[in-house]
Amino acid sequence: METKMKTGKYDENRLLHLLLDMGEMLLASGAEINRVEDTLQRIGRAYGAAKMNVFVITSSIVITMEKTDGELLTHTRRINYTGSTDFTMLEQLNALSRNCCINPIPLEQFHRRLQEIAEPKTRWELYVGSILAAGSFAVFFGGTFADGIVAALVGVLICFIQEKITGLFANTIMFNLFISFIVGAVICLTVRVLPVLNMDKIMIGDIMLLIPGIPATNSIRDMLMGDTISGLMRLIESILWAGALACGFMAAIWMVRV
């Protein structure tokens, strides 16, 4: 059940900014379009809006709040990066949205909660998961135990690059071209020093950490939910993402010539 909260004009404009922040964080954590639109609409109504019109695509968020007196407030934000997946952040944002709908909290506290969720956190779980996934896939697809160890170590390198260098690139495509080339070159050079290793099995293990599985799945779900534009954009982005990964690994193999 949603509880409405009356707000002044200043608070209404600030609320729209906070909703844009939340929508951007939802997109950045891998949420589907329908979830983002529904969450922002529910929170807006809980804070006193007579009607909320929210339009979201992967590169933009437009929110129009209709007040009880008929006045309209519209805010728009350009979204630059939505290529990551963070289920922990997504769960925290969902919990915050439910709390706001049941019992709207003051906007200052709302802002503080968003900042706490957005704060960089220790990503040791990501490193452990990448080590287990890369090593396991390398062995699963026919590699030796040594191939799994090398794939796991390269998985650590992938996590480090994703954590430290992602922000230096204008888009996901260029970043994945870069990281796939670096990872491919490291694997090729390692196999050149240790010929007993299987280059293809190590690459298979590590490429599983980079392929856009969740964005591709969300693109199909978006289209099935009626968000055709966003679904097509995500699908095209996923295809370009996969193409960039393939080009990066191919360029590394060609340059090192194992």
C-alpha atoms as a PDB file:
ATOM      1  CA  MET A   1       0.000   0.000   0.000  1.00  0.00           C
ATOM      2  CA  GLU A   2       1.400   3.377  -0.992  1.00  0.00           C
ATOM      3  CA  THR A   3       1.304   6.305   1.469  1.00  0.00           C
ATOM      4  CA  LYS A   4       1.294   9.736  -0.126  1.00  0.00           C
ATOM      5  CA  MET A   5       3.459  12.516   1.238  1.00  0.00           C
ATOM      6  CA  LYS A   6       2.898  16.201   0.553  1.00  0.00           C
ATOM      7  CA  THR A   7       5.889  18.141  -0.714  1.00  0.00           C
ATOM      8  CA  GLY A   8       6.604  21.755  -1.619  1.00  0.00           C
ATOM      9  CA  LYS A   9       7.757  23.034  -4.994  1.00  0.00           C
ATOM     10  CA  TYR A  10      11.421  22.886  -3.998  1.00  0.00           C
ATOM     11  CA  ASP A  11      10.966  19.359  -2.704  1.00  0.00           C
ATOM     12  CA  GLU A  12       9.168  18.294  -5.863  1.00  0.00           C
ATOM     13  CA  ASN A  13      12.038  19.419  -8.055  1.00  0.00           C
ATOM     14  CA  ARG A  14      14.495  17.772  -5.721  1.00  0.00           C
ATOM     15  CA  LEU A  15      12.400  14.616  -5.723  1.00  0.00           C
ATOM     16  CA  LEU A  16      12.619  14.470  -9.517  1.00  0.00           C
ATOM     17  CA  HIS A  17      16.404  14.763  -9.322  1.00  0.00           C
ATOM     18  CA  LEU A  18      16.507  11.931  -6.792  1.00  0.00           C
ATOM     19  CA  LEU A  19      14.258   9.803  -8.994  1.00  0.00           C
ATOM     20  CA  LEU A  20      16.581  10.422 -11.938  1.00  0.00           C
ATOM     21  CA  ASP A  21      19.527   9.379  -9.753  1.00  0.00           C
ATOM     22  CA  MET A  22      17.708   6.228  -8.733  1.00  0.00           C
ATOM     23  CA  GLY A  23      16.706   5.419 -12.304  1.00  0.00           C
ATOM     24  CA  GLU A  24      20.276   5.849 -13.498  1.00  0.00           C
ATOM     25  CA  MET A  25      21.529   3.577 -10.728  1.00  0.00           C
ATOM     26  CA  LEU A  26      18.907   0.953 -11.596  1.00  0.00           C
ATOM     27  CA  LEU A  27      19.956   0.979 -15.250  1.00  0.00           C
ATOM     28  CA  ALA A  28      23.635   0.847 -14.289  1.00  0.00           C
ATOM     29  CA  SER A  29      23.008  -2.198 -12.083  1.00  0.00           C
ATOM     30  CA  GLY A  30      21.311  -4.140 -14.891  1.00  0.00           C
ATOM     31  CA  ALA A  31      17.607  -3.581 -14.202  1.00  0.00           C
ATOM     32  CA  GLU A  32      15.139  -4.122 -17.024  1.00  0.00           C
ATOM     33  CA  ILE A  33      13.295  -1.101 -18.429  1.00  0.00           C
ATOM     34  CA  ASN A  34       9.884  -2.085 -17.038  1.00  0.00           C
ATOM     35  CA  ARG A  35      11.317  -2.334 -13.521  1.00  0.00           C
ATOM     36  CA  VAL A  36      12.866   1.148 -13.754  1.00  0.00           C
ATOM     37  CA  GLU A  37       9.690   2.788 -15.028  1.00  0.00           C
ATOM     38  CA  ASP A  38       7.449   1.030 -12.504  1.00  0.00           C
ATOM     39  CA  THR A  39       9.747   1.873  -9.569  1.00  0.00           C
ATOM     40  CA  LEU A  40       9.940   5.580 -10.401  1.00  0.00           C
ATOM     41  CA  GLN A  41       6.193   5.815 -10.966  1.00  0.00           C
ATOM     42  CA  ARG A  42       5.362   4.175  -7.640  1.00  0.00           C
ATOM     43  CA  ILE A  43       7.770   6.347  -5.651  1.00  0.00           C
ATOM     44  CA  GLY A  44       6.507   9.529  -7.313  1.00  0.00           C
ATOM     45  CA  ARG A  45       2.903   8.695  -6.451  1.00  0.00           C
ATOM     46  CA  ALA A  46       3.893   7.779  -2.908  1.00  0.00           C
ATOM     47  CA  TYR A  47       5.389  11.267  -2.488  1.00  0.00           C
ATOM     48  CA  GLY A  48       2.182  13.006  -3.545  1.00  0.00           C
ATOM     49  CA  ALA A  49       2.116  13.154  -7.345  1.00  0.00           C
ATOM     50  CA  ALA A  50      -1.334  12.902  -8.908  1.00  0.00           C
ATOM     51  CA  LYS A  51       0.140  11.175 -11.956  1.00  0.00           C
ATOM     52  CA  MET A  52       3.592  10.068 -13.034  1.00  0.00           C
ATOM     53  CA  ASN A  53       4.696   9.656 -16.652  1.00  0.00           C
ATOM     54  CA  VAL A  54       8.074   7.943 -16.937  1.00  0.00           C
ATOM     55  CA  PHE A  55       9.789   7.089 -20.201  1.00  0.00           C
ATOM     56  CA  VAL A  56      13.026   5.135 -20.037  1.00  0.00           C
ATOM     57  CA  ILE A  57      15.388   3.833 -22.690  1.00  0.00           C
ATOM     58  CA  THR A  58      18.935   2.660 -22.165  1.00  0.00           C
ATOM     59  CA  SER A  59      20.340   6.111 -22.980  1.00  0.00           C
ATOM     60  CA  SER A  60      17.747   8.467 -21.474  1.00  0.00           C
ATOM     61  CA  ILE A  61      15.213   8.947 -18.682  1.00  0.00           C
ATOM     62  CA  VAL A  62      12.288  11.386 -18.962  1.00  0.00           C
ATOM     63  CA  ILE A  63      10.019  11.981 -15.931  1.00  0.00           C
ATOM     64  CA  THR A  64       6.897  14.167 -15.920  1.00  0.00           C
ATOM     65  CA  MET A  65       5.172  14.679 -12.588  1.00  0.00           C
ATOM     66  CA  GLU A  66       1.596  15.955 -12.586  1.00  0.00           C
ATOM     67  CA  LYS A  67       0.659  17.662  -9.336  1.00  0.00           C
ATOM     68  CA  THR A  68      -2.800  17.666  -7.773  1.00  0.00           C
ATOM     69  CA  ASP A  69      -3.374  21.236  -9.002  1.00  0.00           C
ATOM     70  CA  GLY A  70      -2.588  20.237 -12.589  1.00  0.00           C
ATOM     71  CA  GLU A  71       0.927  21.743 -12.749  1.00  0.00           C
ATOM     72  CA  LEU A  72       3.453  19.655 -14.685  1.00  0.00           C
ATOM     73  CA  LEU A  73       7.143  19.250 -13.843  1.00  0.00           C
ATOM     74  CA  THR A  74       9.431  17.509 -16.335  1.00  0.00           C
ATOM     75  CA  HIS A  75      13.067  16.496 -15.943  1.00  0.00           C
ATOM     76  CA  THR A  76      15.286  14.612 -18.396  1.00  0.00           C
ATOM     77  CA  ARG A  77      18.647  12.929 -17.985  1.00  0.00           C
ATOM     78  CA  ARG A  78      21.063  11.488 -20.527  1.00  0.00           C
ATOM     79  CA  ILE A  79      22.423   8.100 -19.455  1.00  0.00           C
ATOM     80  CA  ASN A  80      25.972   7.434 -20.599  1.00  0.00           C
ATOM     81  CA  TYR A  81      26.759   3.978 -19.237  1.00  0.00           C
ATOM     82  CA  THR A  82      24.438   1.015 -18.556  1.00  0.00           C
ATOM     83  CA  GLY A  83      26.696  -1.895 -19.362  1.00  0.00           C
ATOM     84  CA  SER A  84      27.360  -3.316 -15.922  1.00  0.00           C
ATOM     85  CA  THR A  85      25.442  -5.750 -13.728  1.00  0.00           C
ATOM     86  CA  ASP A  86      25.322  -5.419  -9.947  1.00  0.00           C
ATOM     87  CA  PHE A  87      22.609  -7.496  -8.300  1.00  0.00           C
ATOM     88  CA  THR A  88      23.633  -6.324  -4.822  1.00  0.00           C
ATOM     89  CA  MET A  89      22.982  -2.687  -5.754  1.00  0.00           C
ATOM     90  CA  LEU A  90      19.782  -3.701  -7.537  1.00  0.00           C
ATOM     91  CA  GLU A  91      18.524  -5.498  -4.429  1.00  0.00           C
ATOM     92  CA  GLN A  92      19.339  -2.498  -2.224  1.00  0.00           C
ATOM     93  CA  LEU A  93      17.559  -0.097  -4.587  1.00  0.00           C
ATOM     94  CA  ASN A  94      14.503  -2.364  -4.685  1.00  0.00           C
ATOM     95  CA  ALA A  95      14.436  -2.460  -0.883  1.00  0.00           C
ATOM     96  CA  LEU A  96      14.711   1.338  -0.726  1.00  0.00           C
ATOM     97  CA  SER A  97      11.876   1.771  -3.223  1.00  0.00           C
ATOM     98  CA  ARG A  98       9.613  -0.548  -1.240  1.00  0.00           C
ATOM     99  CA  ASN A  99      10.357   1.371   1.961  1.00  0.00           C
ATOM    100  CA  CYS A 100       9.600   4.687   0.270  1.00  0.00           C
ATOM    101  CA  CYS A 101       6.284   3.412  -1.094  1.00  0.00           C
ATOM    102  CA  ILE A 102       5.138   1.984   2.248  1.00  0.00           C
ATOM    103  CA  ASN A 103       6.354   4.905   4.368  1.00  0.00           C
ATOM    104  CA  PRO A 104       7.887   7.847   2.432  1.00  0.00           C
ATOM    105  CA  ILE A 105      11.079   9.000   4.108  1.00  0.00           C
ATOM    106  CA  PRO A 106      12.337  12.625   4.132  1.00  0.00           C
ATOM    107  CA  LEU A 107      14.114  13.577   0.911  1.00  0.00           C
ATOM    108  CA  GLU A 108      17.355  14.266   2.770  1.00  0.00           C
ATOM    109  CA  GLN A 109      17.337  10.724   4.099  1.00  0.00           C
ATOM    110  CA  PHE A 110      16.354   9.444   0.642  1.00  0.00           C
ATOM    111  CA  HIS A 111      19.390  11.218  -0.825  1.00  0.00           C
ATOM    112  CA  ARG A 112      21.666   9.869   1.896  1.00  0.00           C
ATOM    113  CA  ARG A 113      20.448   6.300   1.300  1.00  0.00           C
ATOM    114  CA  LEU A 114      21.150   6.606  -2.431  1.00  0.00           C
ATOM    115  CA  GLN A 115      24.655   7.892  -1.698  1.00  0.00           C
ATOM    116  CA  GLU A 116      25.309   4.967   0.640  1.00  0.00           C
ATOM    117  CA  ILE A 117      24.189   2.486  -2.019  1.00  0.00           C
ATOM    118  CA  ALA A 118      26.309   4.194  -4.686  1.00  0.00           C
ATOM    119  CA  GLU A 119      29.491   4.246  -2.577  1.00  0.00           C
ATOM    120  CA  PRO A 120      32.270   2.021  -3.955  1.00  0.00           C
ATOM    121  CA  LYS A 121      32.446  -1.189  -1.977  1.00  0.00           C
ATOM    122  CA  THR A 122      35.037  -3.873  -1.537  1.00  0.00           C
ATOM    123  CA  ARG A 123      34.584  -6.197  -4.481  1.00  0.00           C
ATOM    124  CA  TRP A 124      36.317  -9.275  -3.100  1.00  0.00           C
ATOM    125  CA  GLU A 125      33.210 -11.337  -3.868  1.00  0.00           C
ATOM    126  CA  LEU A 126      33.534 -10.370  -7.528  1.00  0.00           C
ATOM    127  CA  TYR A 127      37.175 -11.446  -7.562  1.00  0.00           C
ATOM    128  CA  VAL A 128      36.374 -14.777  -5.906  1.00  0.00           C
ATOM    129  CA  GLY A 129      33.480 -15.400  -8.279  1.00  0.00           C
ATOM    130  CA  SER A 130      35.607 -14.551 -11.319  1.00  0.00           C
ATOM    131  CA  ILE A 131      38.369 -16.887 -10.173  1.00  0.00           C
ATOM    132  CA  LEU A 132      35.931 -19.754  -9.684  1.00  0.00           C
ATOM    133  CA  ALA A 133      34.032 -19.105 -12.920  1.00  0.00           C
ATOM    134  CA  ALA A 134      37.041 -18.635 -15.206  1.00  0.00           C
ATOM    135  CA  GLY A 135      38.919 -21.604 -13.793  1.00  0.00           C
ATOM    136  CA  SER A 136      35.879 -23.873 -13.792  1.00  0.00           C
ATOM    137  CA  PHE A 137      34.859 -23.049 -17.361  1.00  0.00           C
ATOM    138  CA  ALA A 138      38.392 -23.617 -18.633  1.00  0.00           C
ATOM    139  CA  VAL A 139      38.418 -27.109 -17.106  1.00  0.00           C
ATOM    140  CA  PHE A 140      34.794 -27.802 -18.059  1.00  0.00           C
ATOM    141  CA  PHE A 141      35.517 -27.209 -21.747  1.00  0.00           C
ATOM    142  CA  GLY A 142      38.392 -29.696 -21.775  1.00  0.00           C
ATOM    143  CA  GLY A 143      41.339 -27.826 -20.280  1.00  0.00           C
ATOM    144  CA  THR A 144      43.802 -29.165 -17.768  1.00  0.00           C
ATOM    145  CA  PHE A 145      44.090 -28.147 -14.135  1.00  0.00           C
ATOM    146  CA  ALA A 146      46.984 -25.869 -15.120  1.00  0.00           C
ATOM    147  CA  ASP A 147      44.758 -24.202 -17.733  1.00  0.00           C
ATOM    148  CA  GLY A 148      42.179 -23.576 -15.008  1.00  0.00           C
ATOM    149  CA  ILE A 149      44.786 -21.979 -12.738  1.00  0.00           C
ATOM    150  CA  VAL A 150      45.978 -19.638 -15.486  1.00  0.00           C
ATOM    151  CA  ALA A 151      42.395 -18.759 -16.471  1.00  0.00           C
ATOM    152  CA  ALA A 152      41.616 -17.960 -12.829  1.00  0.00           C
ATOM    153  CA  LEU A 153      44.655 -15.656 -12.560  1.00  0.00           C
ATOM    154  CA  VAL A 154      43.685 -13.877 -15.761  1.00  0.00           C
ATOM    155  CA  GLY A 155      40.184 -13.542 -14.295  1.00  0.00           C
ATOM    156  CA  VAL A 156      41.717 -11.477 -11.486  1.00  0.00           C
ATOM    157  CA  LEU A 157      43.292  -9.222 -14.120  1.00  0.00           C
ATOM    158  CA  ILE A 158      39.897  -8.813 -15.809  1.00  0.00           C
ATOM    159  CA  CYS A 159      38.272  -7.752 -12.543  1.00  0.00           C
ATOM    160  CA  PHE A 160      41.076  -5.289 -11.816  1.00  0.00           C
ATOM    161  CA  ILE A 161      40.777  -3.658 -15.248  1.00  0.00           C
ATOM    162  CA  GLN A 162      36.980  -3.470 -14.960  1.00  0.00           C
ATOM    163  CA  GLU A 163      37.251  -1.849 -11.551  1.00  0.00           C
ATOM    164  CA  LYS A 164      39.987   0.688 -12.308  1.00  0.00           C
ATOM    165  CA  ILE A 165      39.811   1.570 -16.008  1.00  0.00           C
ATOM    166  CA  THR A 166      36.149   1.357 -17.078  1.00  0.00           C
ATOM    167  CA  GLY A 167      35.541   5.068 -16.525  1.00  0.00           C
ATOM    168  CA  LEU A 168      38.300   6.078 -18.949  1.00  0.00           C
ATOM    169  CA  PHE A 169      36.310   4.886 -21.984  1.00  0.00           C
ATOM    170  CA  ALA A 170      33.424   6.691 -23.641  1.00  0.00           C
ATOM    171  CA  ASN A 171      31.358   3.547 -24.211  1.00  0.00           C
ATOM    172  CA  THR A 172      31.165  -0.140 -23.440  1.00  0.00           C
ATOM    173  CA  ILE A 173      32.138  -1.208 -26.954  1.00  0.00           C
ATOM    174  CA  MET A 174      35.554   0.469 -26.860  1.00  0.00           C
ATOM    175  CA  PHE A 175      36.213  -0.752 -23.337  1.00  0.00           C
ATOM    176  CA  ASN A 176      35.482  -4.362 -24.266  1.00  0.00           C
ATOM    177  CA  LEU A 177      37.667  -4.101 -27.354  1.00  0.00           C
ATOM    178  CA  PHE A 178      40.488  -2.879 -25.114  1.00  0.00           C
ATOM    179  CA  ILE A 179      40.060  -5.420 -22.323  1.00  0.00           C
ATOM    180  CA  SER A 180      39.690  -8.363 -24.712  1.00  0.00           C
ATOM    181  CA  PHE A 181      42.884  -7.355 -26.528  1.00  0.00           C
ATOM    182  CA  ILE A 182      44.842  -7.014 -23.262  1.00  0.00           C
ATOM    183  CA  VAL A 183      43.518 -10.295 -21.880  1.00  0.00           C
ATOM    184  CA  GLY A 184      44.102 -12.098 -25.184  1.00  0.00           C
ATOM    185  CA  ALA A 185      47.663 -10.775 -25.393  1.00  0.00           C
ATOM    186  CA  VAL A 186      48.420 -11.867 -21.815  1.00  0.00           C
ATOM    187  CA  ILE A 187      47.069 -15.361 -22.480  1.00  0.00           C
ATOM    188  CA  CYS A 188      48.992 -15.685 -25.768  1.00  0.00           C
ATOM    189  CA  LEU A 189      52.249 -14.544 -24.164  1.00  0.00           C
ATOM    190  CA  THR A 190      51.728 -16.942 -21.246  1.00  0.00           C
ATOM    191  CA  VAL A 191      51.168 -19.860 -23.614  1.00  0.00           C
ATOM    192  CA  ARG A 192      54.250 -18.844 -25.574  1.00  0.00           C
ATOM    193  CA  VAL A 193      56.331 -19.083 -22.383  1.00  0.00           C
ATOM    194  CA  LEU A 194      54.563 -22.276 -21.234  1.00  0.00           C
ATOM    195  CA  PRO A 195      53.709 -24.279 -24.385  1.00  0.00           C
ATOM    196  CA  VAL A 196      52.094 -27.069 -22.347  1.00  0.00           C
ATOM    197  CA  LEU A 197      49.078 -24.834 -21.760  1.00  0.00           C
ATOM    198  CA  ASN A 198      46.028 -24.829 -24.035  1.00  0.00           C
ATOM    199  CA  MET A 199      45.415 -21.300 -25.250  1.00  0.00           C
ATOM    200  CA  ASP A 200      41.887 -21.931 -26.524  1.00  0.00           C
ATOM    201  CA  LYS A 201      40.699 -23.469 -23.256  1.00  0.00           C
ATOM    202  CA  ILE A 202      42.088 -20.580 -21.205  1.00  0.00           C
ATOM    203  CA  MET A 203      40.465 -18.046 -23.524  1.00  0.00           C
ATOM    204  CA  ILE A 204      37.137 -19.851 -23.317  1.00  0.00           C
ATOM    205  CA  GLY A 205      37.256 -19.709 -19.520  1.00  0.00           C
ATOM    206  CA  ASP A 206      38.028 -15.989 -19.438  1.00  0.00           C
ATOM    207  CA  ILE A 207      35.731 -14.880 -22.232  1.00  0.00           C
ATOM    208  CA  MET A 208      32.825 -16.268 -20.203  1.00  0.00           C
ATOM    209  CA  LEU A 209      33.438 -13.390 -17.770  1.00  0.00           C
ATOM    210  CA  LEU A 210      33.036 -10.826 -20.551  1.00  0.00           C
ATOM    211  CA  ILE A 211      30.193 -12.000 -22.781  1.00  0.00           C
ATOM    212  CA  PRO A 212      26.998  -9.896 -22.415  1.00  0.00           C
ATOM    213  CA  GLY A 213      24.689 -12.674 -21.297  1.00  0.00           C
ATOM    214  CA  ILE A 214      22.466 -10.656 -18.947  1.00  0.00           C
ATOM    215  CA  PRO A 215      22.127  -7.591 -21.256  1.00  0.00           C
ATOM    216  CA  ALA A 216      21.152  -9.895 -24.132  1.00  0.00           C
ATOM    217  CA  THR A 217      18.581 -11.661 -21.935  1.00  0.00           C
ATOM    218  CA  ASN A 218      17.176  -8.349 -20.688  1.00  0.00           C
ATOM    219  CA  SER A 219      16.875  -7.129 -24.274  1.00  0.00           C
ATOM    220  CA  ILE A 220      14.575 -10.036 -25.130  1.00  0.00           C
ATOM    221  CA  ARG A 221      12.597  -9.515 -21.938  1.00  0.00           C
ATOM    222  CA  ASP A 222      12.213  -5.791 -22.677  1.00  0.00           C
ATOM    223  CA  MET A 223      10.796  -6.548 -26.126  1.00  0.00           C
ATOM    224  CA  LEU A 224       8.396  -9.167 -24.703  1.00  0.00           C
ATOM    225  CA  MET A 225       7.221  -6.598 -22.131  1.00  0.00           C
ATOM    226  CA  GLY A 226       6.473  -4.079 -24.888  1.00  0.00           C
ATOM    227  CA  ASP A 227       9.589  -1.909 -24.547  1.00  0.00           C
ATOM    228  CA  THR A 228      10.604  -2.554 -28.138  1.00  0.00           C
ATOM    229  CA  ILE A 229      12.922   0.435 -28.607  1.00  0.00           C
ATOM    230  CA  SER A 230      14.922  -0.280 -25.457  1.00  0.00           C
ATOM    231  CA  GLY A 231      15.001  -4.007 -26.215  1.00  0.00           C
ATOM    232  CA  LEU A 232      16.364  -3.447 -29.707  1.00  0.00           C
ATOM    233  CA  MET A 233      18.936  -0.963 -28.418  1.00  0.00           C
ATOM    234  CA  ARG A 234      20.145  -3.431 -25.815  1.00  0.00           C
ATOM    235  CA  LEU A 235      20.194  -6.279 -28.320  1.00  0.00           C
ATOM    236  CA  ILE A 236      22.245  -4.268 -30.816  1.00  0.00           C
ATOM    237  CA  GLU A 237      24.571  -3.146 -28.030  1.00  0.00           C
ATOM    238  CA  SER A 238      25.023  -6.769 -26.917  1.00  0.00           C
ATOM    239  CA  ILE A 239      25.857  -7.860 -30.471  1.00  0.00           C
ATOM    240  CA  LEU A 240      28.376  -5.029 -30.858  1.00  0.00           C
ATOM    241  CA  TRP A 241      29.767  -5.889 -27.415  1.00  0.00           C
ATOM    242  CA  ALA A 242      30.291  -9.521 -28.460  1.00  0.00           C
ATOM    243  CA  GLY A 243      31.806  -8.394 -31.769  1.00  0.00           C
ATOM    244  CA  ALA A 244      34.257  -6.132 -29.949  1.00  0.00           C
ATOM    245  CA  LEU A 245      35.312  -9.040 -27.724  1.00  0.00           C
ATOM    246  CA  ALA A 246      35.897 -11.255 -30.753  1.00  0.00           C
ATOM    247  CA  CYS A 247      37.901  -8.548 -32.541  1.00  0.00           C
ATOM    248  CA  GLY A 248      40.035  -7.920 -29.454  1.00  0.00           C
ATOM    249  CA  PHE A 249      40.954 -11.567 -28.996  1.00  0.00           C
ATOM    250  CA  MET A 250      41.569 -12.027 -32.734  1.00  0.00           C
ATOM    251  CA  ALA A 251      43.875  -8.998 -32.812  1.00  0.00           C
ATOM    252  CA  ALA A 252      45.822 -10.325 -29.821  1.00  0.00           C
ATOM    253  CA  ILE A 253      46.266 -13.746 -31.432  1.00  0.00           C
ATOM    254  CA  TRP A 254      47.335 -12.159 -34.717  1.00  0.00           C
ATOM    255  CA  MET A 255      49.886  -9.827 -33.087  1.00  0.00           C
ATOM    256  CA  VAL A 256      51.435 -12.393 -30.748  1.00  0.00           C
ATOM    257  CA  ARG A 257      51.182 -15.193 -33.324  1.00  0.00           C
ATOM    258  CA  VAL A 258      51.203 -18.194 -30.994  1.00  0.00           C
END
